[in-house]
Amino acid sequence: MKKQFILLASCVLLTQANAQNHEDVFRYSLYNFQGTPRTMATAGAWGAVGADLSSASINPAGIALYRRNEAMAAVSFNSYATDTKYGTDNIQTHDYRLGFNIPNFGFVLNQTNRYMGRDAKQGLISYQFAFGMNRLADFQQNITFAGNVKNTSVSDYFAQLANGRDSSNFGSSDYDNTLYALARRMNLIYNVKDAKTYSSIQNLQHDTDYTMLQSQNMNYRGRMYEWYISGGLNLSNKIYLGGSFIIQDVNYSSVTNYQESLTKSSVVDNIYQSGSFTSNLSTKGSGFGGRIGMIIRPNDYFRVGFSYQTPVILNLKDVYSNSLSAVANNGTLYAQPSIKRDDYFEYRITTPGRIGLQTALILPQLGLLSFDYDLVDYSTGRLSADGSSQQYILTKNLDVSRKYQQAANYRVGLELKADYMKLRAGYAYMGSPYNSSEVSEENGCRYLYSAGLGFALDEQASFDFGLNYITGKNYYKTYETNALSASTQFNRIVFAIGTSIKF
C-alpha cells in the first residue's frame, strides 16, 4: 500500500483555505485607519476637531465644521517588518514587506445661509455634503517562521477534521480542495474501527518520540476601503450634526507555503520523511453600514463629540485552492490533487458596531490638544451563510464569542502653530481584542506613535506630511491541535503626503 503524507499551514490559513472561521471575522473588524496626513500625524485623535475629510470615518459631525469647499488627496508609503519566534528552540526569523497606496481622497461642498446680507448667526448656519474614500485596513505583510517541534504533526489535525465524515466520498473531485479528504487519499490519515473514525500516520506507526522541523511562509496582500457619502449641519455654531452612509470594499489574498521534515523518530524506517503544503485564498466583497455623530461647542476653546457606527454586513466570496505533497522514506514524491482547481464559497460577516467619545481644546493662536476614545466589542462579530453549513457556522460564532472581547482604544493628538507651518504629534494605545484567557492584555495590545508637518502656502492650498509607527504582537498557530504558537513582533511604518485645495 502507498504510504503518503503532508504538511502544515498556519491555523489562520489552514482552516481558511476551505472554511471560514473566527479569524475572518476578526480580520475585517480590526481597522488600521490611516486618514488624511493631518489626522495621521495626530494618531487619529481628530473626532472633536473636525473640518477634515477623515471626519467621515471618525465622527461625521466634523464635516459640519467646514466653512469652505475643499478637495484633497494623499499617497502613502508603507513598511511592514516582522520578527517571529517559533518552536521548542525559539528560532527567530525576520521578514518584511514594502508598499505604496492611496490612503484617501475626497471633497466637501459647503453652503452657508445668509441673513440680512451676512452669514447667519442663529439656527441653521450651514450645511455640507462630502464624498470620498478612506483606507480602513492594509493587509500587506510577509511572515516567515521556522522551528523544531516535538510529537506533533498536521496529520493529527486532519484526523480530527475527518472524524465523523464518511471516507467513501473522499475520492470524488468535489473534495479536491478539502484537506482531510486529500490527507486520506495520501494515507496521511487512516480509518480505524469504521469509515468515520480516523487516526494519523504517526499514531498508527506508534511513533511516541519524534521531532519535526517545521517552516512556514505567509504572504498577505490586499486592503479594505471605505467609501462614504456624508452630510453635516451647523446649528448656531454650537451644535454640529453629521451622518455617513458607508460602503466597505474588501480585497484580500493570501499564499501560504509550509514545509516540514522528520529529524528524529522512535520508529525505525519511519515512512514519513518530509512534506509541503501550499494554500491560496482570495476574498472579495463589500458591505454597507452607517455612522452618526454630534459635536457640541459651548465656547471657542472647547469641543466634545460623540459618534456611533452601526455594524457592517459584508457579503464575501472566497476562492481557494490547496495542494499537498510528501516524500516517503524511499525517496518517492507523492502529491494531491492530481489536477489543481479553484473552489469558492459565499458567506456574510457582520462586523461589530463602534462607540466613540472625543474632546478637543482649541487655542486659536497656539494650536490644539485632542483626545479620542472608542469602544469595540469584537466578540459580537458574526458569520452567516445559506445552505447546509449552519452547524459549522454556529460553532465558529461560538469561537468568536470565546476568543475575543471588548477593547478600548485611546488617542491623543497635539498641533502647534508656527507662522505658516504646523507641527503635529500623537500617541495611541489600542487595547487587546483577545480574551485574556487566550492572549494577555500586554501581548495583545498595540501602540502607535505619530508625527507630522503642515504647510499653508496661502489661504487656498496646503501640504501635509504624516508619519505613523505602529508596533505590537501577533500569534499564529500552525494548526489547531498544535500546542505551540509562533510569536511575532511587528513594526509598521507609514509615511503619507497629502494636499488640499480650498475654493
Protein backbone atom coordinates (compact mmCIF):
# COMPACT_ATOMS: atom_id res chain seq x y z
CA MET A 1 0.00 0.00 0.00
CA LYS A 2 1.26 3.51 -0.76
CA LYS A 3 2.26 5.49 2.30
CA GLN A 4 1.94 9.24 1.82
CA PHE A 5 1.78 12.30 3.97
CA ILE A 6 1.51 16.02 4.23
CA LEU A 7 2.49 19.19 5.89
CA LEU A 8 1.23 22.03 7.87
CA ALA A 9 -0.10 25.53 7.50
CA SER A 10 -0.99 28.35 9.76
CA CYS A 11 -4.04 27.91 11.92
CA VAL A 12 -5.37 31.01 10.27
CA LEU A 13 -4.80 29.83 6.72
CA LEU A 14 -5.12 26.12 7.13
CA THR A 15 -8.70 26.49 8.22
CA GLN A 16 -9.42 29.45 5.99
CA ALA A 17 -8.32 27.60 2.91
CA ASN A 18 -11.57 25.70 2.76
CA ALA A 19 -13.71 27.06 5.59
CA GLN A 20 -14.48 30.32 7.30
CA ASN A 21 -13.66 30.85 10.96
CA HIS A 22 -13.21 33.41 13.74
CA GLU A 23 -10.08 34.83 12.07
CA ASP A 24 -12.13 36.05 9.09
CA VAL A 25 -14.49 37.93 11.39
CA PHE A 26 -11.61 39.50 13.27
CA ARG A 27 -9.64 40.49 10.15
CA TYR A 28 -12.44 42.65 8.76
CA SER A 29 -13.37 44.12 12.16
CA LEU A 30 -9.91 45.41 13.12
CA TYR A 31 -9.32 48.79 11.49
CA ASN A 32 -5.86 50.22 10.90
CA PHE A 33 -7.33 53.55 9.86
CA GLN A 34 -4.88 55.97 8.23
CA GLY A 35 -6.99 59.01 7.43
CA THR A 36 -5.52 62.17 5.96
CA PRO A 37 -1.85 63.00 6.69
CA ARG A 38 -3.10 65.64 9.14
CA THR A 39 -5.06 63.16 11.24
CA MET A 40 -2.33 60.53 10.85
CA ALA A 41 0.15 62.95 12.40
CA THR A 42 -2.09 63.28 15.48
CA ALA A 43 -2.63 59.49 15.86
CA GLY A 44 -6.19 59.81 14.55
CA ALA A 45 -7.35 61.91 17.52
CA TRP A 46 -9.50 64.20 15.41
CA GLY A 47 -13.09 63.32 16.29
CA ALA A 48 -13.96 66.61 18.01
CA VAL A 49 -11.66 68.84 15.93
CA GLY A 50 -13.40 68.32 12.60
CA ALA A 51 -13.06 70.25 9.34
CA ASP A 52 -11.10 67.34 7.85
CA LEU A 53 -12.28 64.64 5.44
CA SER A 54 -11.14 61.95 7.89
CA SER A 55 -14.13 63.05 9.96
CA ALA A 56 -16.40 60.99 7.69
CA SER A 57 -14.81 57.83 9.11
CA ILE A 58 -14.33 59.05 12.71
CA ASN A 59 -17.12 61.44 13.68
CA PRO A 60 -19.08 62.72 10.67
CA ALA A 61 -20.24 65.76 12.66
CA GLY A 62 -16.76 67.11 11.92
CA ILE A 63 -17.91 67.67 8.32
CA ALA A 64 -20.26 70.36 9.67
CA LEU A 65 -17.29 72.45 10.88
CA TYR A 66 -16.27 73.20 7.30
CA ARG A 67 -16.75 76.83 6.23
CA ARG A 68 -15.45 76.45 2.68
CA ASN A 69 -15.37 73.91 -0.11
CA GLU A 70 -12.33 71.61 -0.13
CA ALA A 71 -10.81 68.83 -2.22
CA MET A 72 -7.91 66.70 -1.04
CA ALA A 73 -5.89 63.59 -1.87
CA ALA A 74 -2.90 61.74 -0.43
CA VAL A 75 -0.41 58.96 -1.15
CA SER A 76 1.45 56.82 1.38
CA PHE A 77 4.43 54.51 1.62
CA ASN A 78 4.45 51.52 3.97
CA SER A 79 7.00 49.23 5.54
CA TYR A 80 5.86 46.17 7.49
CA ALA A 81 8.58 44.17 9.31
CA THR A 82 8.17 41.06 11.45
CA ASP A 83 10.43 39.15 13.82
CA THR A 84 8.97 35.76 14.66
CA LYS A 85 9.96 33.09 17.19
CA TYR A 86 8.76 29.52 16.91
CA GLY A 87 9.43 26.01 18.14
CA THR A 88 10.93 24.45 21.24
CA ASP A 89 14.23 26.16 20.38
CA ASN A 90 12.65 29.60 19.76
CA ILE A 91 14.34 30.13 16.39
CA GLN A 92 13.92 33.80 15.34
CA THR A 93 13.27 34.78 11.72
CA HIS A 94 12.83 38.19 10.06
CA ASP A 95 10.69 39.21 7.11
CA TYR A 96 9.36 42.46 5.65
CA ARG A 97 7.10 43.99 3.01
CA LEU A 98 7.23 47.40 1.30
CA GLY A 99 4.17 49.01 -0.28
CA PHE A 100 2.59 52.09 -1.80
CA ASN A 101 -1.08 53.06 -1.68
CA ILE A 102 -3.68 55.82 -1.78
CA PRO A 103 -4.96 56.25 1.80
CA ASN A 104 -7.73 58.72 0.96
CA PHE A 105 -9.22 61.30 -1.35
CA GLY A 106 -12.45 63.27 -1.42
CA PHE A 107 -14.18 66.60 -1.46
CA VAL A 108 -16.66 68.56 0.64
CA LEU A 109 -19.11 71.22 -0.51
CA ASN A 110 -20.29 73.86 1.96
CA GLN A 111 -23.37 76.08 1.78
CA THR A 112 -23.63 78.91 4.31
CA ASN A 113 -27.00 80.55 4.91
CA ARG A 114 -27.24 84.33 4.69
CA TYR A 115 -29.37 86.69 6.79
CA MET A 116 -29.65 90.38 6.05
CA GLY A 117 -26.65 90.16 3.69
CA ARG A 118 -24.43 88.43 6.26
CA ASP A 119 -23.74 84.91 7.40
CA ALA A 120 -26.49 83.69 9.69
CA LYS A 121 -25.71 83.62 13.42
CA GLN A 122 -28.61 81.53 14.73
CA GLY A 123 -30.47 78.42 13.62
CA LEU A 124 -29.18 76.56 10.60
CA ILE A 125 -25.89 78.30 9.85
CA SER A 126 -24.60 75.98 7.14
CA TYR A 127 -24.88 72.52 5.67
CA GLN A 128 -22.33 70.32 3.92
CA PHE A 129 -22.07 67.39 1.55
CA ALA A 130 -18.96 65.20 1.32
CA PHE A 131 -17.91 62.24 -0.79
CA GLY A 132 -14.69 60.26 -0.80
CA MET A 133 -12.70 57.24 0.28
CA ASN A 134 -10.67 56.37 3.37
CA ARG A 135 -8.45 53.28 3.66
CA LEU A 136 -9.57 51.33 6.74
CA ALA A 137 -7.09 48.46 6.72
CA ASP A 138 -3.95 47.35 4.92
CA PHE A 139 -3.27 43.61 4.75
CA GLN A 140 0.16 43.86 3.12
CA GLN A 141 2.68 41.77 5.06
CA ASN A 142 5.07 38.84 4.81
CA ILE A 143 5.66 36.49 7.73
CA THR A 144 8.18 33.67 7.95
CA PHE A 145 8.91 31.33 10.85
CA ALA A 146 10.67 28.04 11.49
CA GLY A 147 11.47 25.80 14.43
CA ASN A 148 11.63 22.32 15.86
CA VAL A 149 8.53 20.83 17.50
CA LYS A 150 8.08 17.55 19.33
CA ASN A 151 5.39 14.90 18.94
CA THR A 152 3.00 16.90 16.80
CA SER A 153 2.11 16.55 13.12
CA VAL A 154 -0.51 18.18 10.97
CA SER A 155 -1.84 14.71 10.19
CA ASP A 156 -3.20 14.67 13.76
CA TYR A 157 -5.23 17.75 12.90
CA PHE A 158 -6.56 16.25 9.67
CA ALA A 159 -7.63 13.13 11.52
CA GLN A 160 -9.57 15.35 13.91
CA LEU A 161 -11.20 17.20 10.99
CA ALA A 162 -12.15 13.96 9.27
CA ASN A 163 -13.70 12.27 12.32
CA GLY A 164 -17.43 11.77 11.78
CA ARG A 165 -17.18 12.01 7.96
CA ASP A 166 -17.64 9.06 5.63
CA SER A 167 -14.38 8.34 3.79
CA SER A 168 -16.21 6.56 0.96
CA ASN A 169 -16.93 10.01 -0.53
CA PHE A 170 -13.38 11.38 -0.35
CA GLY A 171 -12.35 10.16 -3.80
CA SER A 172 -14.83 12.48 -5.52
CA SER A 173 -13.44 15.55 -7.30
CA ASP A 174 -15.81 17.61 -5.13
CA TYR A 175 -13.28 17.04 -2.34
CA ASP A 176 -10.21 18.16 -4.30
CA ASN A 177 -9.75 21.19 -2.02
CA THR A 178 -10.86 19.56 1.22
CA LEU A 179 -7.78 18.99 3.33
CA TYR A 180 -8.92 15.98 5.32
CA ALA A 181 -10.01 14.22 2.11
CA LEU A 182 -6.65 14.89 0.45
CA ALA A 183 -4.93 13.58 3.56
CA ARG A 184 -6.96 10.37 3.44
CA ARG A 185 -6.21 9.89 -0.27
CA MET A 186 -2.49 10.13 0.53
CA ASN A 187 -2.81 7.81 3.56
CA LEU A 188 -1.69 10.56 5.91
CA ILE A 189 -4.71 9.52 7.95
CA TYR A 190 -6.30 6.09 8.19
CA ASN A 191 -9.67 4.68 9.08
CA VAL A 192 -9.81 2.92 12.41
CA LYS A 193 -12.82 0.95 13.68
CA ASP A 194 -15.15 2.26 10.94
CA ALA A 195 -15.42 4.56 7.91
CA LYS A 196 -15.94 7.65 10.08
CA THR A 197 -13.13 7.34 12.62
CA TYR A 198 -9.53 8.28 11.80
CA SER A 199 -6.02 8.33 13.15
CA SER A 200 -2.81 9.92 11.90
CA ILE A 201 0.05 8.04 10.27
CA GLN A 202 2.32 8.87 13.21
CA ASN A 203 -0.10 7.31 15.67
CA LEU A 204 -0.56 4.23 13.51
CA GLN A 205 3.21 3.75 13.45
CA HIS A 206 3.25 4.15 17.25
CA ASP A 207 5.82 6.92 16.98
CA THR A 208 5.82 8.31 20.53
CA ASP A 209 9.00 10.39 20.43
CA TYR A 210 9.66 12.35 17.25
CA THR A 211 10.79 15.83 16.20
CA MET A 212 9.63 17.84 13.21
CA LEU A 213 11.49 20.80 11.73
CA GLN A 214 8.63 23.00 10.54
CA SER A 215 8.83 26.19 8.49
CA GLN A 216 6.16 28.41 7.04
CA ASN A 217 5.98 31.48 4.83
CA MET A 218 2.79 33.56 4.63
CA ASN A 219 2.27 36.35 2.11
CA TYR A 220 -0.78 38.55 2.70
CA ARG A 221 -2.00 41.14 0.23
CA GLY A 222 -4.98 43.48 -0.07
CA ARG A 223 -6.85 46.29 1.63
CA MET A 224 -10.23 47.41 2.91
CA TYR A 225 -11.59 50.72 1.62
CA GLU A 226 -14.49 52.73 2.97
CA TRP A 227 -16.43 54.83 0.51
CA TYR A 228 -18.62 57.44 2.17
CA ILE A 229 -21.37 59.90 1.40
CA SER A 230 -21.63 62.31 4.31
CA GLY A 231 -23.72 65.30 5.31
CA GLY A 232 -23.37 67.88 8.07
CA LEU A 233 -25.47 70.55 9.78
CA ASN A 234 -24.16 73.54 11.73
CA LEU A 235 -26.74 74.77 14.26
CA SER A 236 -25.97 78.21 15.74
CA ASN A 237 -22.23 77.47 15.72
CA LYS A 238 -22.85 75.45 18.90
CA ILE A 239 -24.13 72.06 17.79
CA TYR A 240 -22.80 70.17 14.81
CA LEU A 241 -24.55 67.09 13.45
CA GLY A 242 -23.35 64.64 10.83
CA GLY A 243 -24.01 61.30 9.24
CA SER A 244 -22.26 59.00 6.78
CA PHE A 245 -23.59 56.24 4.59
CA ILE A 246 -20.62 53.91 4.20
CA ILE A 247 -19.75 51.16 1.74
CA GLN A 248 -16.80 48.99 2.71
CA ASP A 249 -14.91 47.21 -0.06
CA VAL A 250 -12.77 44.14 0.75
CA ASN A 251 -9.95 42.74 -1.38
CA TYR A 252 -7.77 40.20 0.41
CA SER A 253 -5.49 37.38 -0.68
CA SER A 254 -3.01 35.06 0.95
CA VAL A 255 -0.50 32.44 -0.10
CA THR A 256 0.85 30.02 2.50
CA ASN A 257 3.78 27.70 1.87
CA TYR A 258 4.68 25.18 4.55
CA GLN A 259 7.36 22.54 4.82
CA GLU A 260 8.18 20.02 7.50
CA SER A 261 10.73 17.26 7.79
CA LEU A 262 11.23 14.49 10.29
CA THR A 263 14.56 14.92 12.11
CA LYS A 264 14.10 12.37 14.90
CA SER A 265 11.83 9.33 15.31
CA SER A 266 11.35 6.46 17.72
CA VAL A 267 10.30 4.28 14.77
CA VAL A 268 12.98 2.67 12.65
CA ASP A 269 12.46 3.42 8.94
CA ASN A 270 9.58 5.84 9.59
CA ILE A 271 7.57 6.00 6.38
CA TYR A 272 7.16 9.76 6.52
CA GLN A 273 10.21 11.92 5.80
CA SER A 274 9.06 15.34 4.65
CA GLY A 275 6.06 17.20 3.34
CA SER A 276 4.91 20.51 1.90
CA PHE A 277 1.67 22.37 1.60
CA THR A 278 0.51 25.34 -0.46
CA SER A 279 -2.74 27.19 0.18
CA ASN A 280 -4.10 30.02 -1.97
CA LEU A 281 -7.02 32.17 -0.88
CA SER A 282 -8.67 35.21 -2.44
CA THR A 283 -11.55 37.06 -0.78
CA LYS A 284 -13.56 39.86 -2.33
CA GLY A 285 -16.80 41.54 -1.38
CA SER A 286 -18.48 44.60 0.02
CA GLY A 287 -20.98 45.70 2.61
CA PHE A 288 -22.75 48.75 3.92
CA GLY A 289 -23.47 50.49 7.18
CA GLY A 290 -23.84 53.92 8.71
CA ARG A 291 -22.18 56.33 11.09
CA ILE A 292 -23.67 59.28 13.00
CA GLY A 293 -22.09 61.93 15.18
CA MET A 294 -22.53 65.08 17.19
CA ILE A 295 -20.09 67.78 18.32
CA ILE A 296 -21.01 70.36 20.97
CA ARG A 297 -19.04 73.61 21.04
CA PRO A 298 -20.00 75.56 24.19
CA ASN A 299 -17.30 78.18 23.51
CA ASP A 300 -14.43 78.90 21.16
CA TYR A 301 -11.96 76.84 23.18
CA PHE A 302 -13.60 73.53 23.95
CA ARG A 303 -15.44 70.84 21.98
CA VAL A 304 -16.87 67.46 22.88
CA GLY A 305 -18.06 64.84 20.42
CA PHE A 306 -19.95 61.56 20.28
CA SER A 307 -20.13 59.06 17.41
CA TYR A 308 -21.67 55.68 16.68
CA GLN A 309 -21.02 53.29 13.81
CA THR A 310 -23.56 50.58 13.04
CA PRO A 311 -22.46 47.01 12.39
CA VAL A 312 -21.44 46.48 8.77
CA ILE A 313 -22.75 43.46 6.84
CA LEU A 314 -20.10 42.24 4.39
CA ASN A 315 -21.09 39.89 1.57
CA LEU A 316 -17.94 37.94 0.73
CA LYS A 317 -16.77 35.29 -1.70
CA ASP A 318 -13.74 33.08 -1.07
CA VAL A 319 -11.89 31.48 -3.96
CA TYR A 320 -9.38 28.91 -2.70
CA SER A 321 -7.13 26.02 -3.68
CA ASN A 322 -4.92 23.60 -1.76
CA SER A 323 -2.17 21.20 -2.74
CA LEU A 324 -0.25 18.65 -0.67
CA SER A 325 2.97 16.77 -1.32
CA ALA A 326 5.13 14.38 0.68
CA VAL A 327 8.28 12.35 0.40
CA ALA A 328 8.40 8.78 1.71
CA ASN A 329 11.49 7.13 3.16
CA ASN A 330 12.28 5.50 -0.20
CA GLY A 331 12.51 8.96 -1.83
CA THR A 332 9.20 8.72 -3.70
CA LEU A 333 7.31 12.02 -4.04
CA TYR A 334 3.50 11.99 -3.77
CA ALA A 335 1.09 14.85 -4.44
CA GLN A 336 -2.63 15.67 -4.34
CA PRO A 337 -4.81 16.70 -6.06
CA SER A 338 -3.73 15.37 -9.44
CA ILE A 339 -5.27 18.40 -11.17
CA LYS A 340 -5.44 21.66 -9.26
CA ARG A 341 -8.60 23.70 -9.37
CA ASP A 342 -10.27 26.64 -7.64
CA ASP A 343 -13.37 26.30 -5.49
CA TYR A 344 -15.46 29.05 -3.94
CA PHE A 345 -17.74 29.74 -1.02
CA GLU A 346 -20.10 32.69 -0.44
CA TYR A 347 -20.93 33.92 3.05
CA ARG A 348 -21.55 37.00 5.18
CA ILE A 349 -19.73 38.66 8.06
CA THR A 350 -21.34 41.18 10.38
CA THR A 351 -18.66 43.33 11.99
CA PRO A 352 -19.22 44.90 15.44
CA GLY A 353 -20.57 48.39 16.00
CA ARG A 354 -18.39 51.15 17.49
CA ILE A 355 -18.94 53.91 20.02
CA GLY A 356 -16.66 56.96 20.21
CA LEU A 357 -16.21 59.88 22.60
CA GLN A 358 -13.96 62.80 21.70
CA THR A 359 -12.79 66.09 23.20
CA ALA A 360 -10.63 68.94 21.92
CA LEU A 361 -9.07 72.03 23.48
CA ILE A 362 -8.67 74.73 20.82
CA LEU A 363 -6.25 77.65 21.31
CA PRO A 364 -6.63 79.70 18.10
CA GLN A 365 -3.18 81.34 18.17
CA LEU A 366 -1.29 78.36 19.55
CA GLY A 367 -2.85 75.15 18.27
CA LEU A 368 -4.94 72.36 19.75
CA LEU A 369 -4.90 69.32 22.02
CA SER A 370 -7.33 66.47 21.32
CA PHE A 371 -8.32 63.18 22.91
CA ASP A 372 -10.39 60.35 21.40
CA TYR A 373 -11.78 57.19 22.98
CA ASP A 374 -13.61 54.42 21.18
CA LEU A 375 -15.02 51.09 22.26
CA VAL A 376 -15.40 47.97 20.09
CA ASP A 377 -16.73 44.59 21.22
CA TYR A 378 -15.07 42.14 18.84
CA SER A 379 -16.89 39.19 20.41
CA THR A 380 -20.14 40.38 18.77
CA GLY A 381 -18.91 39.82 15.20
CA ARG A 382 -20.77 37.06 13.37
CA LEU A 383 -20.52 34.70 10.40
CA SER A 384 -23.57 33.61 8.44
CA ALA A 385 -24.20 31.61 5.28
CA ASP A 386 -27.01 29.96 3.36
CA GLY A 387 -27.27 26.24 2.81
CA SER A 388 -26.13 23.26 4.85
CA SER A 389 -23.28 24.83 6.84
CA GLN A 390 -25.39 26.21 9.70
CA GLN A 391 -23.96 23.92 12.38
CA TYR A 392 -20.40 24.74 11.35
CA ILE A 393 -21.19 28.49 11.34
CA LEU A 394 -22.71 28.22 14.82
CA THR A 395 -19.53 26.58 16.10
CA LYS A 396 -17.32 29.30 14.64
CA ASN A 397 -19.53 32.06 16.05
CA LEU A 398 -19.08 30.47 19.46
CA ASP A 399 -15.32 30.69 18.83
CA VAL A 400 -15.68 34.42 18.12
CA SER A 401 -17.53 34.93 21.42
CA ARG A 402 -14.95 32.88 23.30
CA LYS A 403 -11.71 34.17 21.77
CA TYR A 404 -12.40 37.92 21.57
CA GLN A 405 -13.53 40.66 23.92
CA GLN A 406 -14.44 44.32 24.20
CA ALA A 407 -11.46 46.58 23.53
CA ALA A 408 -10.92 50.25 24.33
CA ASN A 409 -8.71 52.49 22.21
CA TYR A 410 -7.21 55.80 23.38
CA ARG A 411 -5.71 58.50 21.17
CA VAL A 412 -4.16 61.86 21.97
CA GLY A 413 -3.03 64.46 19.44
CA LEU A 414 -1.21 67.79 19.54
CA GLU A 415 -0.96 70.51 16.89
CA LEU A 416 1.17 73.65 17.34
CA LYS A 417 1.12 76.66 15.03
CA ALA A 418 4.32 78.37 13.85
CA ASP A 419 3.62 81.03 11.23
CA TYR A 420 2.69 79.21 8.02
CA MET A 421 3.75 75.84 9.46
CA LYS A 422 2.04 73.45 11.87
CA LEU A 423 3.86 70.87 13.99
CA ARG A 424 1.94 67.72 14.98
CA ALA A 425 2.43 64.69 17.18
CA GLY A 426 0.29 61.94 18.66
CA TYR A 427 0.07 58.68 20.55
CA ALA A 428 -2.48 55.86 20.56
CA TYR A 429 -2.99 52.81 22.73
CA MET A 430 -5.15 50.16 21.10
CA GLY A 431 -6.43 47.67 23.64
CA SER A 432 -6.21 43.93 23.19
CA PRO A 433 -9.12 42.44 21.20
CA TYR A 434 -8.33 38.97 22.60
CA ASN A 435 -9.98 37.35 25.58
CA SER A 436 -7.43 37.35 28.41
CA SER A 437 -7.67 33.55 28.61
CA GLU A 438 -6.35 33.42 25.02
CA VAL A 439 -3.81 36.28 24.96
CA SER A 440 -2.88 38.65 27.77
CA GLU A 441 -3.65 42.37 27.52
CA GLU A 442 0.08 43.11 27.46
CA ASN A 443 0.69 40.81 24.50
CA GLY A 444 -2.50 41.66 22.62
CA CYS A 445 -2.41 45.47 22.59
CA ARG A 446 -0.79 47.75 20.00
CA TYR A 447 0.96 51.11 20.24
CA LEU A 448 1.04 53.94 17.72
CA TYR A 449 3.42 56.92 17.68
CA SER A 450 2.91 59.72 15.18
CA ALA A 451 4.39 63.00 13.96
CA GLY A 452 3.95 65.36 11.05
CA LEU A 453 4.09 68.80 9.49
CA GLY A 454 1.63 71.04 7.69
CA PHE A 455 2.40 73.94 5.35
CA ALA A 456 -0.16 76.53 4.26
CA LEU A 457 1.11 78.12 1.06
CA ASP A 458 -1.81 80.55 1.05
CA GLU A 459 -5.48 80.56 2.03
CA GLN A 460 -6.30 78.12 -0.76
CA ALA A 461 -3.56 75.45 -0.81
CA SER A 462 -1.78 73.42 1.85
CA PHE A 463 0.51 70.40 2.08
CA ASP A 464 0.62 67.90 4.94
CA PHE A 465 3.02 65.15 5.94
CA GLY A 466 2.20 62.38 8.39
CA LEU A 467 4.28 59.57 9.89
CA ASN A 468 2.99 56.59 11.91
CA TYR A 469 4.99 53.96 13.74
CA ILE A 470 2.86 51.03 14.95
CA THR A 471 4.16 48.13 17.00
CA GLY A 472 2.62 45.10 18.65
CA LYS A 473 2.47 41.31 18.69
CA ASN A 474 0.60 38.67 16.73
CA TYR A 475 0.27 34.94 17.30
CA TYR A 476 -0.01 32.17 14.71
CA LYS A 477 -0.78 28.51 15.20
CA THR A 478 0.31 26.10 12.52
CA TYR A 479 -2.87 24.10 13.12
CA GLU A 480 -5.41 23.94 15.90
CA THR A 481 -4.10 20.75 17.54
CA ASN A 482 -0.59 22.18 17.84
CA ALA A 483 0.08 23.38 21.39
CA LEU A 484 2.84 25.76 20.18
CA SER A 485 2.23 29.19 18.69
CA ALA A 486 4.57 31.40 16.69
CA SER A 487 5.04 34.78 18.39
CA THR A 488 5.52 37.71 16.02
CA GLN A 489 6.73 41.18 16.97
CA PHE A 490 5.67 43.52 14.15
CA ASN A 491 6.62 47.08 13.30
CA ARG A 492 4.73 49.07 10.70
CA ILE A 493 5.86 52.46 9.37
CA VAL A 494 3.52 54.58 7.26
CA PHE A 495 4.57 57.86 5.64
CA ALA A 496 1.92 59.93 3.84
CA ILE A 497 1.92 63.10 1.77
CA GLY A 498 -1.27 64.99 1.01
CA THR A 499 -2.52 68.21 -0.45
CA SER A 500 -5.77 70.10 -0.14
CA ILE A 501 -7.32 72.91 -2.17
CA LYS A 502 -9.98 75.21 -0.71
CA PHE A 503 -12.33 77.01 -3.06
